[in-house]
PDB file of N, CA and C in Angstrom:
ATOM      1  N   MET A   1    -129.073 -38.953  59.786  1.00  0.00           N
ATOM      2  CA  MET A   1    -127.642 -38.469  59.803  1.00  0.00           C
ATOM      3  C   MET A   1    -127.335 -37.584  58.669  1.00  0.00           C
ATOM      4  N   ARG A   2    -127.996 -37.844  57.489  1.00  0.00           N
ATOM      5  CA  ARG A   2    -127.658 -37.053  56.352  1.00  0.00           C
ATOM      6  C   ARG A   2    -128.204 -35.625  56.432  1.00  0.00           C
ATOM      7  N   ARG A   3    -129.139 -35.441  57.370  1.00  0.00           N
ATOM      8  CA  ARG A   3    -129.737 -34.178  57.400  1.00  0.00           C
ATOM      9  C   ARG A   3    -128.786 -33.177  58.265  1.00  0.00           C
ATOM     10  N   SER A   4    -128.021 -33.726  59.073  1.00  0.00           N
ATOM     11  CA  SER A   4    -127.132 -32.860  59.933  1.00  0.00           C
ATOM     12  C   SER A   4    -126.321 -31.869  59.163  1.00  0.00           C
ATOM     13  N   PRO A   5    -125.493 -32.300  58.161  1.00  0.00           N
ATOM     14  CA  PRO A   5    -124.656 -31.401  57.445  1.00  0.00           C
ATOM     15  C   PRO A   5    -125.525 -30.417  56.683  1.00  0.00           C
ATOM     16  N   PHE A   6    -126.680 -30.810  56.139  1.00  0.00           N
ATOM     17  CA  PHE A   6    -127.619 -29.873  55.409  1.00  0.00           C
ATOM     18  C   PHE A   6    -128.122 -28.860  56.377  1.00  0.00           C
ATOM     19  N   LEU A   7    -128.554 -29.316  57.513  1.00  0.00           N
ATOM     20  CA  LEU A   7    -129.137 -28.284  58.521  1.00  0.00           C
ATOM     21  C   LEU A   7    -128.062 -27.423  59.064  1.00  0.00           C
ATOM     22  N   ALA A   8    -126.952 -27.930  59.279  1.00  0.00           N
ATOM     23  CA  ALA A   8    -125.846 -27.063  59.792  1.00  0.00           C
ATOM     24  C   ALA A   8    -125.449 -25.986  58.738  1.00  0.00           C
ATOM     25  N   THR A   9    -125.395 -26.365  57.456  1.00  0.00           N
ATOM     26  CA  THR A   9    -125.109 -25.464  56.371  1.00  0.00           C
ATOM     27  C   THR A   9    -126.207 -24.409  56.281  1.00  0.00           C
ATOM     28  N   LEU A  10    -127.453 -24.817  56.354  1.00  0.00           N
ATOM     29  CA  LEU A  10    -128.589 -23.860  56.267  1.00  0.00           C
ATOM     30  C   LEU A  10    -128.509 -22.929  57.446  1.00  0.00           C
ATOM     31  N   PHE A  11    -128.213 -23.390  58.649  1.00  0.00           N
ATOM     32  CA  PHE A  11    -128.201 -22.591  59.739  1.00  0.00           C
ATOM     33  C   PHE A  11    -127.105 -21.499  59.651  1.00  0.00           C
ATOM     34  N   LEU A  12    -125.916 -21.884  59.145  1.00  0.00           N
ATOM     35  CA  LEU A  12    -124.771 -20.920  58.940  1.00  0.00           C
ATOM     36  C   LEU A  12    -125.159 -19.867  57.917  1.00  0.00           C
ATOM     37  N   LEU A  13    -125.881 -20.335  56.824  1.00  0.00           N
ATOM     38  CA  LEU A  13    -126.272 -19.301  55.837  1.00  0.00           C
ATOM     39  C   LEU A  13    -127.249 -18.328  56.330  1.00  0.00           C
ATOM     40  N   VAL A  14    -128.133 -18.734  57.094  1.00  0.00           N
ATOM     41  CA  VAL A  14    -129.141 -17.827  57.711  1.00  0.00           C
ATOM     42  C   VAL A  14    -128.497 -16.943  58.727  1.00  0.00           C
ATOM     43  N   ALA A  15    -127.634 -17.500  59.492  1.00  0.00           N
ATOM     44  CA  ALA A  15    -126.930 -16.657  60.562  1.00  0.00           C
ATOM     45  C   ALA A  15    -126.051 -15.655  59.951  1.00  0.00           C
ATOM     46  N   CYS A  16    -125.426 -15.992  58.802  1.00  0.00           N
ATOM     47  CA  CYS A  16    -124.484 -15.042  58.230  1.00  0.00           C
ATOM     48  C   CYS A  16    -125.121 -14.032  57.219  1.00  0.00           C
ATOM     49  N   SER A  17    -126.361 -14.292  56.911  1.00  0.00           N
ATOM     50  CA  SER A  17    -127.057 -13.462  55.876  1.00  0.00           C
ATOM     51  C   SER A  17    -127.216 -12.033  56.425  1.00  0.00           C
ATOM     52  N   GLU A  18    -127.211 -11.061  55.564  1.00  0.00           N
ATOM     53  CA  GLU A  18    -127.353  -9.682  55.897  1.00  0.00           C
ATOM     54  C   GLU A  18    -128.747  -9.428  56.445  1.00  0.00           C
ATOM     55  N   LYS A  19    -128.734  -8.660  57.570  1.00  0.00           N
ATOM     56  CA  LYS A  19    -130.001  -8.305  58.141  1.00  0.00           C
ATOM     57  C   LYS A  19    -130.698  -7.249  57.303  1.00  0.00           C
ATOM     58  N   THR A  20    -131.962  -7.349  57.026  1.00  0.00           N
ATOM     59  CA  THR A  20    -132.674  -6.418  56.276  1.00  0.00           C
ATOM     60  C   THR A  20    -133.420  -5.482  57.144  1.00  0.00           C
ATOM     61  N   GLU A  21    -133.408  -4.136  56.865  1.00  0.00           N
ATOM     62  CA  GLU A  21    -134.017  -3.209  57.601  1.00  0.00           C
ATOM     63  C   GLU A  21    -135.557  -3.139  57.386  1.00  0.00           C
ATOM     64  N   GLN A  22    -136.271  -2.913  58.429  1.00  0.00           N
ATOM     65  CA  GLN A  22    -137.765  -2.899  58.357  1.00  0.00           C
ATOM     66  C   GLN A  22    -138.151  -1.698  57.481  1.00  0.00           C
ATOM     67  N   THR A  23    -139.151  -1.922  56.672  1.00  0.00           N
ATOM     68  CA  THR A  23    -139.658  -0.816  55.835  1.00  0.00           C
ATOM     69  C   THR A  23    -140.889  -0.261  56.598  1.00  0.00           C
ATOM     70  N   TYR A  24    -140.911   1.098  56.555  1.00  0.00           N
ATOM     71  CA  TYR A  24    -141.931   1.777  57.249  1.00  0.00           C
ATOM     72  C   TYR A  24    -142.821   2.458  56.119  1.00  0.00           C
ATOM     73  N   THR A  25    -144.176   2.489  56.466  1.00  0.00           N
ATOM     74  CA  THR A  25    -145.117   3.236  55.591  1.00  0.00           C
ATOM     75  C   THR A  25    -145.005   4.693  55.929  1.00  0.00           C
ATOM     76  N   VAL A  26    -145.683   5.450  55.011  1.00  0.00           N
ATOM     77  CA  VAL A  26    -145.787   6.922  55.232  1.00  0.00           C
ATOM     78  C   VAL A  26    -146.664   7.117  56.434  1.00  0.00           C
ATOM     79  N   ASP A  27    -147.779   6.407  56.543  1.00  0.00           N
ATOM     80  CA  ASP A  27    -148.633   6.589  57.633  1.00  0.00           C
ATOM     81  C   ASP A  27    -147.979   6.221  59.037  1.00  0.00           C
ATOM     82  N   ALA A  28    -147.250   5.121  58.970  1.00  0.00           N
ATOM     83  CA  ALA A  28    -146.488   4.675  60.224  1.00  0.00           C
ATOM     84  C   ALA A  28    -145.544   5.831  60.650  1.00  0.00           C
ATOM     85  N   LEU A  29    -144.886   6.405  59.666  1.00  0.00           N
ATOM     86  CA  LEU A  29    -143.937   7.500  60.003  1.00  0.00           C
ATOM     87  C   LEU A  29    -144.593   8.726  60.504  1.00  0.00           C
ATOM     88  N   ILE A  30    -145.784   9.077  59.912  1.00  0.00           N
ATOM     89  CA  ILE A  30    -146.550  10.181  60.419  1.00  0.00           C
ATOM     90  C   ILE A  30    -147.002   9.951  61.764  1.00  0.00           C
ATOM     91  N   GLY A  31    -147.302   8.745  62.233  1.00  0.00           N
ATOM     92  CA  GLY A  31    -147.805   8.485  63.530  1.00  0.00           C
ATOM     93  C   GLY A  31    -146.624   8.449  64.552  1.00  0.00           C
ATOM     94  N   ASP A  32    -145.326   8.256  64.088  1.00  0.00           N
ATOM     95  CA  ASP A  32    -144.220   8.154  65.012  1.00  0.00           C
ATOM     96  C   ASP A  32    -143.172   9.202  64.626  1.00  0.00           C
ATOM     97  N   GLU A  33    -143.383  10.445  65.084  1.00  0.00           N
ATOM     98  CA  GLU A  33    -142.498  11.528  64.675  1.00  0.00           C
ATOM     99  C   GLU A  33    -141.018  11.361  65.168  1.00  0.00           C
ATOM    100  N   THR A  34    -140.751  10.567  66.205  1.00  0.00           N
ATOM    101  CA  THR A  34    -139.412  10.266  66.684  1.00  0.00           C
ATOM    102  C   THR A  34    -138.681   9.433  65.642  1.00  0.00           C
ATOM    103  N   LEU A  35    -139.466   8.348  65.176  1.00  0.00           N
ATOM    104  CA  LEU A  35    -138.930   7.478  64.113  1.00  0.00           C
ATOM    105  C   LEU A  35    -138.654   8.240  62.769  1.00  0.00           C
ATOM    106  N   LEU A  36    -139.718   9.023  62.484  1.00  0.00           N
ATOM    107  CA  LEU A  36    -139.509   9.876  61.280  1.00  0.00           C
ATOM    108  C   LEU A  36    -138.217  10.827  61.318  1.00  0.00           C
ATOM    109  N   SER A  37    -138.069  11.403  62.554  1.00  0.00           N
ATOM    110  CA  SER A  37    -136.942  12.202  62.682  1.00  0.00           C
ATOM    111  C   SER A  37    -135.592  11.509  62.464  1.00  0.00           C
ATOM    112  N   ARG A  38    -135.526  10.250  63.141  1.00  0.00           N
ATOM    113  CA  ARG A  38    -134.366   9.386  62.973  1.00  0.00           C
ATOM    114  C   ARG A  38    -134.021   9.039  61.650  1.00  0.00           C
ATOM    115  N   ILE A  39    -135.036   8.684  60.913  1.00  0.00           N
ATOM    116  CA  ILE A  39    -134.932   8.159  59.484  1.00  0.00           C
ATOM    117  C   ILE A  39    -134.404   9.331  58.577  1.00  0.00           C
ATOM    118  N   MET A  40    -135.091  10.481  58.847  1.00  0.00           N
ATOM    119  CA  MET A  40    -134.782  11.698  58.048  1.00  0.00           C
ATOM    120  C   MET A  40    -133.272  12.078  58.244  1.00  0.00           C
ATOM    121  N   SER A  41    -132.837  11.923  59.499  1.00  0.00           N
ATOM    122  CA  SER A  41    -131.472  12.344  59.811  1.00  0.00           C
ATOM    123  C   SER A  41    -130.505  11.362  59.249  1.00  0.00           C
ATOM    124  N   GLU A  42    -130.786  10.076  59.255  1.00  0.00           N
ATOM    125  CA  GLU A  42    -129.942   9.076  58.562  1.00  0.00           C
ATOM    126  C   GLU A  42    -129.848   9.271  57.127  1.00  0.00           C
ATOM    127  N   CYS A  43    -131.027   9.580  56.479  1.00  0.00           N
ATOM    128  CA  CYS A  43    -131.010   9.848  55.019  1.00  0.00           C
ATOM    129  C   CYS A  43    -130.243  11.063  54.667  1.00  0.00           C
ATOM    130  N   ARG A  44    -130.467  12.125  55.456  1.00  0.00           N
ATOM    131  CA  ARG A  44    -129.618  13.352  55.119  1.00  0.00           C
ATOM    132  C   ARG A  44    -128.107  13.299  55.422  1.00  0.00           C
ATOM    133  N   ASN A  45    -127.789  12.391  56.348  1.00  0.00           N
ATOM    134  CA  ASN A  45    -126.358  12.229  56.624  1.00  0.00           C
ATOM    135  C   ASN A  45    -125.600  11.295  55.581  1.00  0.00           C
ATOM    136  N   ASN A  46    -126.433  10.517  54.781  1.00  0.00           N
ATOM    137  CA  ASN A  46    -125.805   9.686  53.779  1.00  0.00           C
ATOM    138  C   ASN A  46    -126.691   9.654  52.546  1.00  0.00           C
ATOM    139  N   PRO A  47    -126.829  10.717  51.865  1.00  0.00           N
ATOM    140  CA  PRO A  47    -127.776  10.830  50.753  1.00  0.00           C
ATOM    141  C   PRO A  47    -127.296   9.896  49.574  1.00  0.00           C
ATOM    142  N   GLY A  48    -126.031   9.752  49.401  1.00  0.00           N
ATOM    143  CA  GLY A  48    -125.448   9.011  48.312  1.00  0.00           C
ATOM    144  C   GLY A  48    -125.901   7.573  48.278  1.00  0.00           C
ATOM    145  N   GLU A  49    -125.997   6.975  49.411  1.00  0.00           N
ATOM    146  CA  GLU A  49    -126.422   5.551  49.502  1.00  0.00           C
ATOM    147  C   GLU A  49    -127.921   5.392  49.881  1.00  0.00           C
ATOM    148  N   LEU A  50    -128.436   6.308  50.636  1.00  0.00           N
ATOM    149  CA  LEU A  50    -129.776   6.042  51.153  1.00  0.00           C
ATOM    150  C   LEU A  50    -130.926   6.837  50.494  1.00  0.00           C
ATOM    151  N   ARG A  51    -130.540   7.765  49.547  1.00  0.00           N
ATOM    152  CA  ARG A  51    -131.602   8.620  49.082  1.00  0.00           C
ATOM    153  C   ARG A  51    -132.726   7.838  48.352  1.00  0.00           C
ATOM    154  N   ASP A  52    -132.422   6.766  47.603  1.00  0.00           N
ATOM    155  CA  ASP A  52    -133.316   6.165  46.893  1.00  0.00           C
ATOM    156  C   ASP A  52    -133.985   4.854  47.591  1.00  0.00           C
ATOM    157  N   THR A  53    -133.660   4.752  48.913  1.00  0.00           N
ATOM    158  CA  THR A  53    -134.326   3.501  49.653  1.00  0.00           C
ATOM    159  C   THR A  53    -135.699   3.904  49.917  1.00  0.00           C
ATOM    160  N   VAL A  54    -136.471   2.864  50.182  1.00  0.00           N
ATOM    161  CA  VAL A  54    -137.979   2.984  50.440  1.00  0.00           C
ATOM    162  C   VAL A  54    -138.130   3.833  51.667  1.00  0.00           C
ATOM    163  N   ASN A  55    -137.406   3.599  52.701  1.00  0.00           N
ATOM    164  CA  ASN A  55    -137.675   4.278  53.989  1.00  0.00           C
ATOM    165  C   ASN A  55    -137.319   5.849  53.770  1.00  0.00           C
ATOM    166  N   CYS A  56    -136.318   6.127  53.053  1.00  0.00           N
ATOM    167  CA  CYS A  56    -135.993   7.601  52.861  1.00  0.00           C
ATOM    168  C   CYS A  56    -137.131   8.290  51.966  1.00  0.00           C
ATOM    169  N   ARG A  57    -137.580   7.623  50.964  1.00  0.00           N
ATOM    170  CA  ARG A  57    -138.618   8.181  50.197  1.00  0.00           C
ATOM    171  C   ARG A  57    -139.907   8.258  50.970  1.00  0.00           C
ATOM    172  N   ASN A  58    -140.241   7.257  51.770  1.00  0.00           N
ATOM    173  CA  ASN A  58    -141.454   7.355  52.597  1.00  0.00           C
ATOM    174  C   ASN A  58    -141.316   8.386  53.681  1.00  0.00           C
ATOM    175  N   ALA A  59    -140.125   8.544  54.201  1.00  0.00           N
ATOM    176  CA  ALA A  59    -139.845   9.610  55.227  1.00  0.00           C
ATOM    177  C   ALA A  59    -140.019  11.039  54.645  1.00  0.00           C
ATOM    178  N   GLU A  60    -139.504  11.218  53.373  1.00  0.00           N
ATOM    179  CA  GLU A  60    -139.752  12.474  52.760  1.00  0.00           C
ATOM    180  C   GLU A  60    -141.153  12.799  52.518  1.00  0.00           C
ATOM    181  N   ALA A  61    -141.846  11.770  52.065  1.00  0.00           N
ATOM    182  CA  ALA A  61    -143.410  11.906  51.807  1.00  0.00           C
ATOM    183  C   ALA A  61    -144.084  12.305  53.176  1.00  0.00           C
ATOM    184  N   ALA A  62    -143.718  11.554  54.234  1.00  0.00           N
ATOM    185  CA  ALA A  62    -144.421  11.771  55.527  1.00  0.00           C
ATOM    186  C   ALA A  62    -144.020  13.124  56.049  1.00  0.00           C
ATOM    187  N   ASP A  63    -142.844  13.606  55.866  1.00  0.00           N
ATOM    188  CA  ASP A  63    -142.397  14.899  56.343  1.00  0.00           C
ATOM    189  C   ASP A  63    -143.135  16.004  55.565  1.00  0.00           C
ATOM    190  N   GLY A  64    -143.337  15.772  54.282  1.00  0.00           N
ATOM    191  CA  GLY A  64    -144.143  16.774  53.472  1.00  0.00           C
ATOM    192  C   GLY A  64    -145.557  16.793  53.945  1.00  0.00           C
ATOM    193  N   LYS A  65    -146.119  15.610  54.201  1.00  0.00           N
ATOM    194  CA  LYS A  65    -147.549  15.648  54.729  1.00  0.00           C
ATOM    195  C   LYS A  65    -147.673  16.362  56.001  1.00  0.00           C
ATOM    196  N   LEU A  66    -146.774  16.085  56.924  1.00  0.00           N
ATOM    197  CA  LEU A  66    -146.783  16.681  58.264  1.00  0.00           C
ATOM    198  C   LEU A  66    -146.671  18.193  58.093  1.00  0.00           C
ATOM    199  N   ARG A  67    -145.776  18.684  57.250  1.00  0.00           N
ATOM    200  CA  ARG A  67    -145.532  20.111  57.109  1.00  0.00           C
ATOM    201  C   ARG A  67    -146.921  20.683  56.640  1.00  0.00           C
ATOM    202  N   LEU A  68    -147.596  20.096  55.589  1.00  0.00           N
ATOM    203  CA  LEU A  68    -148.854  20.606  55.096  1.00  0.00           C
ATOM    204  C   LEU A  68    -149.944  20.664  56.222  1.00  0.00           C
ATOM    205  N   GLN A  69    -149.974  19.587  56.978  1.00  0.00           N
ATOM    206  CA  GLN A  69    -150.929  19.574  58.071  1.00  0.00           C
ATOM    207  C   GLN A  69    -150.724  20.672  59.040  1.00  0.00           C
ATOM    208  N   ASN A  70    -149.389  20.861  59.416  1.00  0.00           N
ATOM    209  CA  ASN A  70    -149.063  22.000  60.399  1.00  0.00           C
ATOM    210  C   ASN A  70    -149.347  23.353  59.785  1.00  0.00           C
ATOM    211  N   MET A  71    -149.157  23.521  58.524  1.00  0.00           N
ATOM    212  CA  MET A  71    -149.540  24.843  57.859  1.00  0.00           C
ATOM    213  C   MET A  71    -151.057  25.043  57.939  1.00  0.00           C
ATOM    214  N   ARG A  72    -151.791  23.981  57.595  1.00  0.00           N
ATOM    215  CA  ARG A  72    -153.247  24.077  57.606  1.00  0.00           C
ATOM    216  C   ARG A  72    -153.768  24.468  59.012  1.00  0.00           C
ATOM    217  N   LYS A  73    -153.147  23.808  60.041  1.00  0.00           N
ATOM    218  CA  LYS A  73    -153.553  24.076  61.520  1.00  0.00           C
ATOM    219  C   LYS A  73    -153.189  25.532  61.801  1.00  0.00           C
ATOM    220  N   ALA A  74    -152.021  26.054  61.349  1.00  0.00           N
ATOM    221  CA  ALA A  74    -151.546  27.382  61.609  1.00  0.00           C
ATOM    222  C   ALA A  74    -152.564  28.392  60.945  1.00  0.00           C
ATOM    223  N   LEU A  75    -153.119  28.056  59.795  1.00  0.00           N
ATOM    224  CA  LEU A  75    -154.032  28.988  59.038  1.00  0.00           C
ATOM    225  C   LEU A  75    -155.476  28.788  59.517  1.00  0.00           C
ATOM    226  N   GLY A  76    -155.656  27.869  60.363  1.00  0.00           N
ATOM    227  CA  GLY A  76    -157.009  27.568  60.972  1.00  0.00           C
ATOM    228  C   GLY A  76    -157.959  26.907  60.014  1.00  0.00           C
ATOM    229  N   LYS A  77    -157.472  25.989  59.123  1.00  0.00           N
ATOM    230  CA  LYS A  77    -158.268  25.347  58.275  1.00  0.00           C
ATOM    231  C   LYS A  77    -158.420  23.913  58.750  1.00  0.00           C
TER     232      LYS A  77
END
């Protein structure tokens, strides 16, 4: 019986805790251009808050890599 209040409190804390966003790697974003586009859009729409987040930094890196890959393909390399 002593566990019930503890478990109820624990459950409420977990239920009310802030949801964390999944972190994507550069390679995962390169492989999913739709996801990359969505994250880039979110980051550009709110740069003050999101600019230094891991997903925004990884999205910028993935975007840069994709641009280089596309330039190399266009040049035939």
